[in-house]
C-alpha atoms as a PDB file:
ATOM      1  CA  MET A   1      28.359-193.643 120.883  1.00  0.00           C
ATOM      2  CA  GLY A   2      28.785-189.936 120.172  1.00  0.00           C
ATOM      3  CA  GLU A   3      26.146-187.345 119.340  1.00  0.00           C
ATOM      4  CA  PHE A   4      26.533-187.506 115.582  1.00  0.00           C
ATOM      5  CA  ASP A   5      26.668-191.298 115.486  1.00  0.00           C
ATOM      6  CA  LEU A   6      23.439-191.307 117.515  1.00  0.00           C
ATOM      7  CA  ILE A   7      21.735-188.986 115.026  1.00  0.00           C
ATOM      8  CA  GLU A   8      23.015-190.970 112.052  1.00  0.00           C
ATOM      9  CA  ARG A   9      21.854-194.312 113.422  1.00  0.00           C
ATOM     10  CA  TYR A  10      18.440-193.461 114.869  1.00  0.00           C
ATOM     11  CA  PHE A  11      17.142-190.262 113.294  1.00  0.00           C
ATOM     12  CA  LYS A  12      18.727-189.524 109.917  1.00  0.00           C
ATOM     13  CA  ARG A  13      16.639-190.555 106.918  1.00  0.00           C
ATOM     14  CA  PRO A  14      16.551-189.509 103.273  1.00  0.00           C
ATOM     15  CA  ALA A  15      14.484-186.357 102.704  1.00  0.00           C
ATOM     16  CA  HIS A  16      11.422-186.889 100.526  1.00  0.00           C
ATOM     17  CA  GLN A  17       9.490-183.640 100.855  1.00  0.00           C
ATOM     18  CA  ALA A  18      12.128-181.294 102.244  1.00  0.00           C
ATOM     19  CA  VAL A  19      14.785-179.836  99.953  1.00  0.00           C
ATOM     20  CA  LEU A  20      17.342-180.648 102.673  1.00  0.00           C
ATOM     21  CA  GLY A  21      16.725-182.674 105.821  1.00  0.00           C
ATOM     22  CA  VAL A  22      18.800-183.896 108.775  1.00  0.00           C
ATOM     23  CA  GLY A  23      22.579-183.314 108.638  1.00  0.00           C
ATOM     24  CA  ASP A  24      23.192-179.614 108.003  1.00  0.00           C
ATOM     25  CA  ASP A  25      22.964-176.402 110.036  1.00  0.00           C
ATOM     26  CA  CYS A  26      19.426-175.841 108.756  1.00  0.00           C
ATOM     27  CA  ALA A  27      16.749-177.821 106.983  1.00  0.00           C
ATOM     28  CA  LEU A  28      15.409-176.377 103.741  1.00  0.00           C
ATOM     29  CA  LEU A  29      11.696-176.547 103.037  1.00  0.00           C
ATOM     30  CA  LEU A  30       9.983-175.376  99.876  1.00  0.00           C
ATOM     31  CA  PRO A  31       6.744-173.545 100.812  1.00  0.00           C
ATOM     32  CA  THR A  32       3.591-175.104  99.412  1.00  0.00           C
ATOM     33  CA  PRO A  33       2.120-172.571  96.966  1.00  0.00           C
ATOM     34  CA  GLY A  34      -1.059-170.914  98.235  1.00  0.00           C
ATOM     35  CA  MET A  35      -0.784-172.361 101.752  1.00  0.00           C
ATOM     36  CA  HIS A  36      -0.223-170.913 105.196  1.00  0.00           C
ATOM     37  CA  LEU A  37       2.391-172.687 107.295  1.00  0.00           C
ATOM     38  CA  ALA A  38       1.060-173.774 110.699  1.00  0.00           C
ATOM     39  CA  VAL A  39       3.791-174.190 113.336  1.00  0.00           C
ATOM     40  CA  SER A  40       3.515-175.581 116.882  1.00  0.00           C
ATOM     41  CA  SER A  41       5.922-176.743 119.614  1.00  0.00           C
ATOM     42  CA  ASP A  42       5.405-179.047 122.589  1.00  0.00           C
ATOM     43  CA  MET A  43       7.804-180.204 125.264  1.00  0.00           C
ATOM     44  CA  LEU A  44       7.608-183.427 127.294  1.00  0.00           C
ATOM     45  CA  VAL A  45       9.607-183.637 130.529  1.00  0.00           C
ATOM     46  CA  GLU A  46      10.170-186.831 132.504  1.00  0.00           C
ATOM     47  CA  GLY A  47       8.322-186.729 135.807  1.00  0.00           C
ATOM     48  CA  ARG A  48       6.046-183.934 134.613  1.00  0.00           C
ATOM     49  CA  HIS A  49       4.504-185.359 131.453  1.00  0.00           C
ATOM     50  CA  PHE A  50       5.432-189.044 131.586  1.00  0.00           C
ATOM     51  CA  VAL A  51       6.640-191.620 134.107  1.00  0.00           C
ATOM     52  CA  SER A  52      10.125-193.104 133.973  1.00  0.00           C
ATOM     53  CA  THR A  53       8.750-196.600 133.334  1.00  0.00           C
ATOM     54  CA  VAL A  54       6.979-195.684 130.094  1.00  0.00           C
ATOM     55  CA  ASP A  55       7.806-197.887 127.127  1.00  0.00           C
ATOM     56  CA  PRO A  56      10.184-195.849 124.899  1.00  0.00           C
ATOM     57  CA  GLU A  57       8.306-196.829 121.738  1.00  0.00           C
ATOM     58  CA  ARG A  58       5.089-195.438 123.185  1.00  0.00           C
ATOM     59  CA  LEU A  59       6.914-192.330 124.344  1.00  0.00           C
ATOM     60  CA  GLY A  60       8.242-191.738 120.829  1.00  0.00           C
ATOM     61  CA  HIS A  61       4.695-192.032 119.527  1.00  0.00           C
ATOM     62  CA  LYS A  62       3.294-189.658 122.143  1.00  0.00           C
ATOM     63  CA  ALA A  63       6.027-187.061 121.670  1.00  0.00           C
ATOM     64  CA  LEU A  64       4.942-186.549 118.071  1.00  0.00           C
ATOM     65  CA  ALA A  65       1.238-187.247 118.652  1.00  0.00           C
ATOM     66  CA  VAL A  66       0.779-184.303 121.016  1.00  0.00           C
ATOM     67  CA  ASN A  67       2.207-182.003 118.346  1.00  0.00           C
ATOM     68  CA  LEU A  68       0.138-183.509 115.543  1.00  0.00           C
ATOM     69  CA  SER A  69      -2.878-182.931 117.788  1.00  0.00           C
ATOM     70  CA  ASP A  70      -2.157-179.191 117.644  1.00  0.00           C
ATOM     71  CA  LEU A  71      -2.103-179.329 113.848  1.00  0.00           C
ATOM     72  CA  ALA A  72      -5.377-181.273 113.930  1.00  0.00           C
ATOM     73  CA  ALA A  73      -6.985-178.560 116.065  1.00  0.00           C
ATOM     74  CA  CYS A  74      -5.924-175.997 113.461  1.00  0.00           C
ATOM     75  CA  GLY A  75      -7.144-178.069 110.502  1.00  0.00           C
ATOM     76  CA  ALA A  76      -3.579-178.286 109.167  1.00  0.00           C
ATOM     77  CA  GLU A  77      -2.060-181.155 107.207  1.00  0.00           C
ATOM     78  CA  PRO A  78       1.232-182.391 108.721  1.00  0.00           C
ATOM     79  CA  ARG A  79       4.357-181.746 106.728  1.00  0.00           C
ATOM     80  CA  ALA A  80       7.586-181.811 108.758  1.00  0.00           C
ATOM     81  CA  PHE A  81       8.985-181.645 112.280  1.00  0.00           C
ATOM     82  CA  THR A  82      12.175-181.053 114.245  1.00  0.00           C
ATOM     83  CA  LEU A  83      13.262-182.893 117.403  1.00  0.00           C
ATOM     84  CA  ALA A  84      15.324-181.503 120.295  1.00  0.00           C
ATOM     85  CA  LEU A  85      16.250-184.346 122.647  1.00  0.00           C
ATOM     86  CA  SER A  86      18.060-184.213 125.979  1.00  0.00           C
ATOM     87  CA  LEU A  87      19.240-187.600 127.278  1.00  0.00           C
ATOM     88  CA  PRO A  88      20.853-188.500 130.606  1.00  0.00           C
ATOM     89  CA  ARG A  89      22.957-191.123 128.792  1.00  0.00           C
ATOM     90  CA  VAL A  90      23.127-192.988 125.494  1.00  0.00           C
ATOM     91  CA  ASP A  91      20.921-196.066 125.854  1.00  0.00           C
ATOM     92  CA  GLU A  92      20.809-197.780 122.487  1.00  0.00           C
ATOM     93  CA  ALA A  93      17.857-200.042 123.316  1.00  0.00           C
ATOM     94  CA  TRP A  94      15.874-197.025 124.522  1.00  0.00           C
ATOM     95  CA  LEU A  95      16.796-194.979 121.445  1.00  0.00           C
ATOM     96  CA  ALA A  96      15.804-197.820 119.108  1.00  0.00           C
ATOM     97  CA  GLY A  97      12.351-198.072 120.685  1.00  0.00           C
ATOM     98  CA  PHE A  98      11.840-194.308 120.918  1.00  0.00           C
ATOM     99  CA  SER A  99      12.825-193.653 117.302  1.00  0.00           C
ATOM    100  CA  ARG A 100      10.708-196.582 116.102  1.00  0.00           C
ATOM    101  CA  GLY A 101       7.545-195.216 117.754  1.00  0.00           C
ATOM    102  CA  LEU A 102       8.309-191.656 116.664  1.00  0.00           C
ATOM    103  CA  LEU A 103       9.035-192.425 113.024  1.00  0.00           C
ATOM    104  CA  ARG A 104       6.210-194.930 112.629  1.00  0.00           C
ATOM    105  CA  LEU A 105       3.676-192.240 113.518  1.00  0.00           C
ATOM    106  CA  ALA A 106       5.528-189.709 111.374  1.00  0.00           C
ATOM    107  CA  ASP A 107       5.310-192.021 108.366  1.00  0.00           C
ATOM    108  CA  ALA A 108       1.598-192.650 109.000  1.00  0.00           C
ATOM    109  CA  HIS A 109       0.964-188.909 108.651  1.00  0.00           C
ATOM    110  CA  GLY A 110       3.510-188.084 105.937  1.00  0.00           C
ATOM    111  CA  CYS A 111       5.389-185.838 108.361  1.00  0.00           C
ATOM    112  CA  GLU A 112       9.158-186.123 107.996  1.00  0.00           C
ATOM    113  CA  LEU A 113      11.884-185.391 110.519  1.00  0.00           C
ATOM    114  CA  VAL A 114      14.035-182.597 109.042  1.00  0.00           C
ATOM    115  CA  GLY A 115      16.355-181.570 111.882  1.00  0.00           C
ATOM    116  CA  GLY A 116      16.832-180.853 115.559  1.00  0.00           C
ATOM    117  CA  ASP A 117      19.405-181.154 118.321  1.00  0.00           C
ATOM    118  CA  THR A 118      20.664-183.601 120.958  1.00  0.00           C
ATOM    119  CA  THR A 119      22.496-183.047 124.217  1.00  0.00           C
ATOM    120  CA  GLN A 120      23.143-184.694 127.580  1.00  0.00           C
ATOM    121  CA  GLY A 121      20.878-183.797 130.491  1.00  0.00           C
ATOM    122  CA  PRO A 122      17.561-184.745 132.129  1.00  0.00           C
ATOM    123  CA  LEU A 123      15.231-186.595 129.764  1.00  0.00           C
ATOM    124  CA  ASN A 124      13.418-183.878 127.843  1.00  0.00           C
ATOM    125  CA  ILE A 125      11.764-184.061 124.415  1.00  0.00           C
ATOM    126  CA  CYS A 126      10.815-180.960 122.435  1.00  0.00           C
ATOM    127  CA  ILE A 127       9.226-181.204 118.991  1.00  0.00           C
ATOM    128  CA  THR A 128       8.301-178.422 116.603  1.00  0.00           C
ATOM    129  CA  VAL A 129       5.842-179.493 113.940  1.00  0.00           C
ATOM    130  CA  MET A 130       4.830-177.780 110.697  1.00  0.00           C
ATOM    131  CA  GLY A 131       1.786-178.228 108.506  1.00  0.00           C
ATOM    132  CA  ASP A 132      -0.137-176.676 105.632  1.00  0.00           C
ATOM    133  CA  VAL A 133      -3.550-175.042 105.790  1.00  0.00           C
ATOM    134  CA  PRO A 134      -5.309-173.003 103.076  1.00  0.00           C
ATOM    135  CA  PRO A 135      -5.750-169.287 103.880  1.00  0.00           C
ATOM    136  CA  GLY A 136      -9.058-168.739 105.643  1.00  0.00           C
ATOM    137  CA  ASP A 137      -9.541-172.429 106.484  1.00  0.00           C
ATOM    138  CA  ALA A 138      -7.583-172.632 109.754  1.00  0.00           C
ATOM    139  CA  LEU A 139      -9.646-173.641 112.788  1.00  0.00           C
ATOM    140  CA  LEU A 140      -8.861-171.088 115.488  1.00  0.00           C
ATOM    141  CA  ARG A 141      -9.880-170.450 119.074  1.00  0.00           C
ATOM    142  CA  HIS A 142     -11.359-166.996 118.572  1.00  0.00           C
ATOM    143  CA  ASN A 143     -14.242-167.744 116.191  1.00  0.00           C
ATOM    144  CA  ALA A 144     -16.857-169.557 118.305  1.00  0.00           C
ATOM    145  CA  GLN A 145     -20.300-168.058 117.699  1.00  0.00           C
ATOM    146  CA  VAL A 146     -23.291-167.741 120.008  1.00  0.00           C
ATOM    147  CA  GLY A 147     -25.610-170.688 119.399  1.00  0.00           C
ATOM    148  CA  ASP A 148     -22.855-173.024 118.168  1.00  0.00           C
ATOM    149  CA  ASP A 149     -22.984-176.653 119.248  1.00  0.00           C
ATOM    150  CA  ILE A 150     -19.965-177.837 121.258  1.00  0.00           C
ATOM    151  CA  TYR A 151     -18.476-181.235 120.414  1.00  0.00           C
ATOM    152  CA  ILE A 152     -15.666-183.504 121.513  1.00  0.00           C
ATOM    153  CA  SER A 153     -14.026-186.245 119.494  1.00  0.00           C
ATOM    154  CA  GLY A 154     -13.436-189.749 120.773  1.00  0.00           C
ATOM    155  CA  THR A 155     -13.561-190.251 124.527  1.00  0.00           C
ATOM    156  CA  VAL A 156     -12.117-188.354 127.475  1.00  0.00           C
ATOM    157  CA  GLY A 157     -10.965-189.275 130.964  1.00  0.00           C
ATOM    158  CA  ASP A 158      -9.143-192.584 130.508  1.00  0.00           C
ATOM    159  CA  ALA A 159      -5.665-191.045 130.606  1.00  0.00           C
ATOM    160  CA  ARG A 160      -6.442-189.468 133.965  1.00  0.00           C
ATOM    161  CA  LEU A 161      -7.803-192.806 135.184  1.00  0.00           C
ATOM    162  CA  ALA A 162      -4.503-194.489 134.275  1.00  0.00           C
ATOM    163  CA  LEU A 163      -2.578-191.768 136.090  1.00  0.00           C
ATOM    164  CA  GLU A 164      -4.642-192.267 139.244  1.00  0.00           C
ATOM    165  CA  VAL A 165      -3.966-196.010 139.112  1.00  0.00           C
ATOM    166  CA  PHE A 166      -0.239-195.225 139.086  1.00  0.00           C
ATOM    167  CA  ARG A 167      -0.788-192.840 141.996  1.00  0.00           C
ATOM    168  CA  GLY A 168      -2.587-195.580 143.901  1.00  0.00           C
ATOM    169  CA  THR A 169      -5.937-193.784 144.229  1.00  0.00           C
ATOM    170  CA  GLN A 170      -7.774-196.045 141.736  1.00  0.00           C
ATOM    171  CA  SER A 171      -7.554-199.710 140.803  1.00  0.00           C
ATOM    172  CA  LEU A 172      -8.184-201.618 137.574  1.00  0.00           C
ATOM    173  CA  ASP A 173      -7.644-205.178 136.442  1.00  0.00           C
ATOM    174  CA  ALA A 174      -4.734-205.824 134.076  1.00  0.00           C
ATOM    175  CA  ALA A 175      -6.842-205.497 130.910  1.00  0.00           C
ATOM    176  CA  GLY A 176      -8.492-202.292 132.101  1.00  0.00           C
ATOM    177  CA  LEU A 177      -5.176-200.739 133.081  1.00  0.00           C
ATOM    178  CA  GLU A 178      -3.651-201.555 129.709  1.00  0.00           C
ATOM    179  CA  GLN A 179      -6.617-199.948 127.927  1.00  0.00           C
ATOM    180  CA  ALA A 180      -6.406-196.788 130.023  1.00  0.00           C
ATOM    181  CA  ARG A 181      -2.617-196.703 129.858  1.00  0.00           C
ATOM    182  CA  LEU A 182      -2.712-196.841 126.060  1.00  0.00           C
ATOM    183  CA  ARG A 183      -4.870-193.709 126.070  1.00  0.00           C
ATOM    184  CA  MET A 184      -2.314-191.947 128.280  1.00  0.00           C
ATOM    185  CA  GLU A 185       0.846-193.169 126.577  1.00  0.00           C
ATOM    186  CA  GLN A 186      -0.208-193.631 122.954  1.00  0.00           C
ATOM    187  CA  PRO A 187      -2.916-191.074 122.082  1.00  0.00           C
ATOM    188  CA  THR A 188      -4.412-190.859 118.602  1.00  0.00           C
ATOM    189  CA  PRO A 189      -3.989-187.420 116.989  1.00  0.00           C
ATOM    190  CA  ARG A 190      -7.268-186.517 115.258  1.00  0.00           C
ATOM    191  CA  VAL A 191      -5.643-185.146 112.127  1.00  0.00           C
ATOM    192  CA  ALA A 192      -8.186-186.620 109.704  1.00  0.00           C
ATOM    193  CA  LEU A 193     -11.071-185.107 111.663  1.00  0.00           C
ATOM    194  CA  GLY A 194      -9.375-181.713 111.805  1.00  0.00           C
ATOM    195  CA  LEU A 195      -8.984-181.718 108.025  1.00  0.00           C
ATOM    196  CA  ALA A 196     -12.606-182.803 107.531  1.00  0.00           C
ATOM    197  CA  LEU A 197     -13.834-179.976 109.792  1.00  0.00           C
ATOM    198  CA  ARG A 198     -12.406-177.215 107.610  1.00  0.00           C
ATOM    199  CA  ALA A 199     -15.286-174.958 106.531  1.00  0.00           C
ATOM    200  CA  VAL A 200     -17.560-176.857 108.955  1.00  0.00           C
ATOM    201  CA  ALA A 201     -16.390-175.931 112.464  1.00  0.00           C
ATOM    202  CA  ASN A 202     -16.064-172.369 113.694  1.00  0.00           C
ATOM    203  CA  ALA A 203     -13.480-172.891 116.450  1.00  0.00           C
ATOM    204  CA  ALA A 204     -11.367-175.748 117.779  1.00  0.00           C
ATOM    205  CA  ILE A 205      -8.726-176.685 120.335  1.00  0.00           C
ATOM    206  CA  ASP A 206      -7.047-179.923 121.314  1.00  0.00           C
ATOM    207  CA  ILE A 207      -7.771-181.285 124.799  1.00  0.00           C
ATOM    208  CA  SER A 208      -4.419-181.547 126.536  1.00  0.00           C
ATOM    209  CA  ASP A 209      -4.895-179.928 129.953  1.00  0.00           C
ATOM    210  CA  GLY A 210      -8.532-180.946 130.559  1.00  0.00           C
ATOM    211  CA  LEU A 211     -11.782-180.429 128.646  1.00  0.00           C
ATOM    212  CA  LEU A 212     -13.172-177.520 130.664  1.00  0.00           C
ATOM    213  CA  GLY A 213      -9.866-175.706 130.911  1.00  0.00           C
ATOM    214  CA  ASP A 214      -9.164-175.993 127.194  1.00  0.00           C
ATOM    215  CA  LEU A 215     -12.729-175.068 126.249  1.00  0.00           C
ATOM    216  CA  GLY A 216     -12.218-172.043 128.487  1.00  0.00           C
ATOM    217  CA  HIS A 217      -9.502-170.817 126.103  1.00  0.00           C
ATOM    218  CA  ILE A 218     -12.039-170.826 123.260  1.00  0.00           C
ATOM    219  CA  LEU A 219     -14.564-168.948 125.402  1.00  0.00           C
ATOM    220  CA  LYS A 220     -12.034-166.323 126.450  1.00  0.00           C
ATOM    221  CA  ARG A 221     -10.675-165.735 122.942  1.00  0.00           C
ATOM    222  CA  SER A 222     -14.164-165.695 121.392  1.00  0.00           C
ATOM    223  CA  ARG A 223     -15.680-163.590 124.221  1.00  0.00           C
ATOM    224  CA  VAL A 224     -18.591-165.965 124.703  1.00  0.00           C
ATOM    225  CA  GLY A 225     -19.881-168.407 127.317  1.00  0.00           C
ATOM    226  CA  ALA A 226     -20.948-172.032 127.276  1.00  0.00           C
ATOM    227  CA  GLN A 227     -23.469-174.436 128.727  1.00  0.00           C
ATOM    228  CA  ILE A 228     -22.318-178.042 129.129  1.00  0.00           C
ATOM    229  CA  ASP A 229     -24.938-180.750 129.652  1.00  0.00           C
ATOM    230  CA  THR A 230     -23.343-183.667 131.502  1.00  0.00           C
ATOM    231  CA  HIS A 231     -25.929-186.347 130.760  1.00  0.00           C
ATOM    232  CA  TRP A 232     -23.546-187.736 128.108  1.00  0.00           C
ATOM    233  CA  LEU A 233     -21.454-188.870 131.082  1.00  0.00           C
ATOM    234  CA  GLN A 234     -24.176-191.205 132.324  1.00  0.00           C
ATOM    235  CA  SER A 235     -22.934-194.742 131.726  1.00  0.00           C
ATOM    236  CA  GLY A 236     -21.705-193.835 128.291  1.00  0.00           C
ATOM    237  CA  SER A 237     -25.122-192.606 127.160  1.00  0.00           C
ATOM    238  CA  SER A 238     -25.460-190.268 124.176  1.00  0.00           C
ATOM    239  CA  PHE A 239     -27.930-187.745 122.830  1.00  0.00           C
ATOM    240  CA  GLY A 240     -29.727-190.527 120.983  1.00  0.00           C
ATOM    241  CA  ASP A 241     -29.176-189.112 117.489  1.00  0.00           C
ATOM    242  CA  GLY A 242     -26.476-191.486 116.333  1.00  0.00           C
ATOM    243  CA  GLN A 243     -23.648-189.846 118.248  1.00  0.00           C
ATOM    244  CA  ALA A 244     -21.024-191.794 120.129  1.00  0.00           C
ATOM    245  CA  ALA A 245     -20.709-191.701 123.885  1.00  0.00           C
ATOM    246  CA  GLY A 246     -17.870-189.441 125.015  1.00  0.00           C
ATOM    247  CA  ILE A 247     -16.564-191.867 127.655  1.00  0.00           C
ATOM    248  CA  THR A 248     -15.541-195.517 127.691  1.00  0.00           C
ATOM    249  CA  PRO A 249     -17.110-198.238 129.862  1.00  0.00           C
ATOM    250  CA  LEU A 250     -14.013-197.944 132.089  1.00  0.00           C
ATOM    251  CA  LEU A 251     -14.941-194.390 133.004  1.00  0.00           C
ATOM    252  CA  ALA A 252     -18.662-195.108 133.080  1.00  0.00           C
ATOM    253  CA  ALA A 253     -17.997-197.637 135.870  1.00  0.00           C
ATOM    254  CA  LEU A 254     -16.623-194.934 138.178  1.00  0.00           C
ATOM    255  CA  PRO A 255     -18.696-193.063 140.771  1.00  0.00           C
ATOM    256  CA  TRP A 256     -20.353-189.930 139.367  1.00  0.00           C
ATOM    257  CA  ASN A 257     -18.009-187.447 141.060  1.00  0.00           C
ATOM    258  CA  LYS A 258     -14.898-189.209 139.783  1.00  0.00           C
ATOM    259  CA  ARG A 259     -16.427-189.517 136.334  1.00  0.00           C
ATOM    260  CA  LEU A 260     -16.996-185.758 136.268  1.00  0.00           C
ATOM    261  CA  GLU A 261     -13.493-184.966 137.475  1.00  0.00           C
ATOM    262  CA  PHE A 262     -11.642-187.302 135.135  1.00  0.00           C
ATOM    263  CA  ALA A 263     -13.712-186.503 132.026  1.00  0.00           C
ATOM    264  CA  LEU A 264     -13.966-182.751 132.500  1.00  0.00           C
ATOM    265  CA  ALA A 265     -10.572-181.934 134.017  1.00  0.00           C
ATOM    266  CA  GLY A 266      -8.408-185.011 133.520  1.00  0.00           C
ATOM    267  CA  GLY A 267      -6.141-183.898 130.689  1.00  0.00           C
ATOM    268  CA  ASP A 268      -3.823-185.850 128.391  1.00  0.00           C
ATOM    269  CA  ASP A 269      -6.780-186.838 126.182  1.00  0.00           C
ATOM    270  CA  TYR A 270      -5.546-185.245 122.944  1.00  0.00           C
ATOM    271  CA  GLU A 271      -9.034-185.242 121.516  1.00  0.00           C
ATOM    272  CA  LEU A 272     -10.536-182.231 119.759  1.00  0.00           C
ATOM    273  CA  CYS A 273     -13.072-179.876 121.269  1.00  0.00           C
ATOM    274  CA  PHE A 274     -14.789-177.797 118.609  1.00  0.00           C
ATOM    275  CA  THR A 275     -17.824-175.647 117.929  1.00  0.00           C
ATOM    276  CA  ALA A 276     -20.034-175.624 114.849  1.00  0.00           C
ATOM    277  CA  PRO A 277     -23.321-173.992 113.844  1.00  0.00           C
ATOM    278  CA  VAL A 278     -26.506-175.932 114.538  1.00  0.00           C
ATOM    279  CA  ASN A 279     -27.262-176.049 110.816  1.00  0.00           C
ATOM    280  CA  GLN A 280     -23.969-177.910 110.272  1.00  0.00           C
ATOM    281  CA  ARG A 281     -24.883-180.965 112.330  1.00  0.00           C
ATOM    282  CA  GLU A 282     -25.171-183.212 109.288  1.00  0.00           C
ATOM    283  CA  MET A 283     -21.813-181.933 108.030  1.00  0.00           C
ATOM    284  CA  VAL A 284     -20.219-182.586 111.435  1.00  0.00           C
ATOM    285  CA  HIS A 285     -21.506-186.155 111.371  1.00  0.00           C
ATOM    286  CA  ALA A 286     -20.254-186.498 107.795  1.00  0.00           C
ATOM    287  CA  ALA A 287     -16.805-185.280 108.890  1.00  0.00           C
ATOM    288  CA  ALA A 288     -16.845-187.801 111.736  1.00  0.00           C
ATOM    289  CA  TRP A 289     -17.807-190.586 109.332  1.00  0.00           C
ATOM    290  CA  GLU A 290     -15.229-189.534 106.740  1.00  0.00           C
ATOM    291  CA  SER A 291     -12.444-189.467 109.331  1.00  0.00           C
ATOM    292  CA  ASP A 292     -13.640-192.601 111.162  1.00  0.00           C
ATOM    293  CA  THR A 293     -13.695-190.575 114.385  1.00  0.00           C
ATOM    294  CA  PRO A 294     -16.687-190.579 116.757  1.00  0.00           C
ATOM    295  CA  VAL A 295     -17.920-187.213 118.016  1.00  0.00           C
ATOM    296  CA  THR A 296     -20.266-186.288 120.856  1.00  0.00           C
ATOM    297  CA  ARG A 297     -22.270-183.082 121.185  1.00  0.00           C
ATOM    298  CA  ILE A 298     -21.878-181.896 124.778  1.00  0.00           C
ATOM    299  CA  GLY A 299     -23.355-178.390 124.926  1.00  0.00           C
ATOM    300  CA  ARG A 300     -23.704-175.009 123.255  1.00  0.00           C
ATOM    301  CA  ILE A 301     -22.090-171.598 123.096  1.00  0.00           C
ATOM    302  CA  THR A 302     -23.976-168.852 124.954  1.00  0.00           C
ATOM    303  CA  GLU A 303     -23.871-165.069 124.865  1.00  0.00           C
ATOM    304  CA  ALA A 304     -23.462-164.740 128.636  1.00  0.00           C
ATOM    305  CA  SER A 305     -19.835-165.069 129.702  1.00  0.00           C
ATOM    306  CA  GLY A 306     -18.731-167.979 131.869  1.00  0.00           C
ATOM    307  CA  LEU A 307     -19.250-171.709 131.745  1.00  0.00           C
ATOM    308  CA  VAL A 308     -22.373-173.336 133.185  1.00  0.00           C
ATOM    309  CA  LEU A 309     -22.404-177.068 133.975  1.00  0.00           C
ATOM    310  CA  LEU A 310     -25.754-178.825 134.193  1.00  0.00           C
ATOM    311  CA  ASP A 311     -26.345-182.204 135.827  1.00  0.00           C
ATOM    312  CA  PRO A 312     -28.465-184.869 134.064  1.00  0.00           C
ATOM    313  CA  GLN A 313     -31.600-183.324 135.640  1.00  0.00           C
ATOM    314  CA  GLY A 314     -30.742-179.901 134.212  1.00  0.00           C
ATOM    315  CA  GLN A 315     -29.643-178.411 137.540  1.00  0.00           C
ATOM    316  CA  PRO A 316     -26.443-176.323 137.851  1.00  0.00           C
ATOM    317  CA  ILE A 317     -23.322-178.062 139.140  1.00  0.00           C
ATOM    318  CA  THR A 318     -21.526-175.719 141.516  1.00  0.00           C
ATOM    319  CA  ARG A 319     -18.365-177.792 141.965  1.00  0.00           C
ATOM    320  CA  ARG A 320     -15.213-176.255 140.487  1.00  0.00           C
ATOM    321  CA  PHE A 321     -12.770-178.292 138.405  1.00  0.00           C
ATOM    322  CA  ALA A 322      -9.065-177.457 138.114  1.00  0.00           C
ATOM    323  CA  SER A 323      -7.356-178.399 134.856  1.00  0.00           C
ATOM    324  CA  PHE A 324      -3.658-179.189 134.548  1.00  0.00           C
ATOM    325  CA  ASP A 325      -1.298-176.254 135.031  1.00  0.00           C
ATOM    326  CA  HIS A 326       2.409-176.708 134.224  1.00  0.00           C
ATOM    327  CA  PHE A 327       3.427-174.334 137.018  1.00  0.00           C
ATOM    328  CA  ALA A 328       0.913-175.355 139.686  1.00  0.00           C
END
């Protein structure tokens, strides 16, 4: 099967929103009147971002999900995407599964494939995604304010737990491994929550390289500090005001030090970390309810620079946590 037959069979579909989709030198998109266009790219490389044994359908899902997560963090509504795909060989069964997972998620979010490129080489997937956001409504990293609450969506740490099982440093039964592996290989982009947080949150970022590392980008861009209270990591406990716990029972079963490491620096969570004023707590909970996405309040923004971690007794944690670095 040649390059163009491959595109025709697995990736070409009729354009519904685009003026012109797959099959020409360029796609043509009609700008949405009164909207800013949010654009983001992410690359997944075999051996760096996923293992060779990953199910291709899950990989197709994840390849788009990590990009949709960026749109979610910006409060943008998905619109279209391009796919650049390098393959070591044409494997029709693999392509069928990959395209099925990719396009199923695309359809769920009304985000159509409008173009891209294919070539032969090491397995490498690069997606550029586009979305709409009203002027002034984008959630950005540089707008966290002193006194803001800090929240996370969903749960963190399970993807890192799955990775450590593959590395042989942790063990889980078959059901537990499948649960953790799903979080690593088939994350849920929090698009609905991102949309609901427009005009509610001050700043946001998606958690891809680890909670503390990604929160650090907000702190640096906003020129503020943060205090994180880790008692939400105690056996899945919460603040007691109707919030969800930010970890699953799988993570809660780990020793405290591992729980800290995996939840705070694990990466591959693709949840949202965001800040919002204290007087917006009811609106944050309403956004969580509207989007059917649990959120957990984990700390607050401070005027003093730096990030302070407190243990469940309120004492500083001096241990340092290293988030994922693509060049480390």
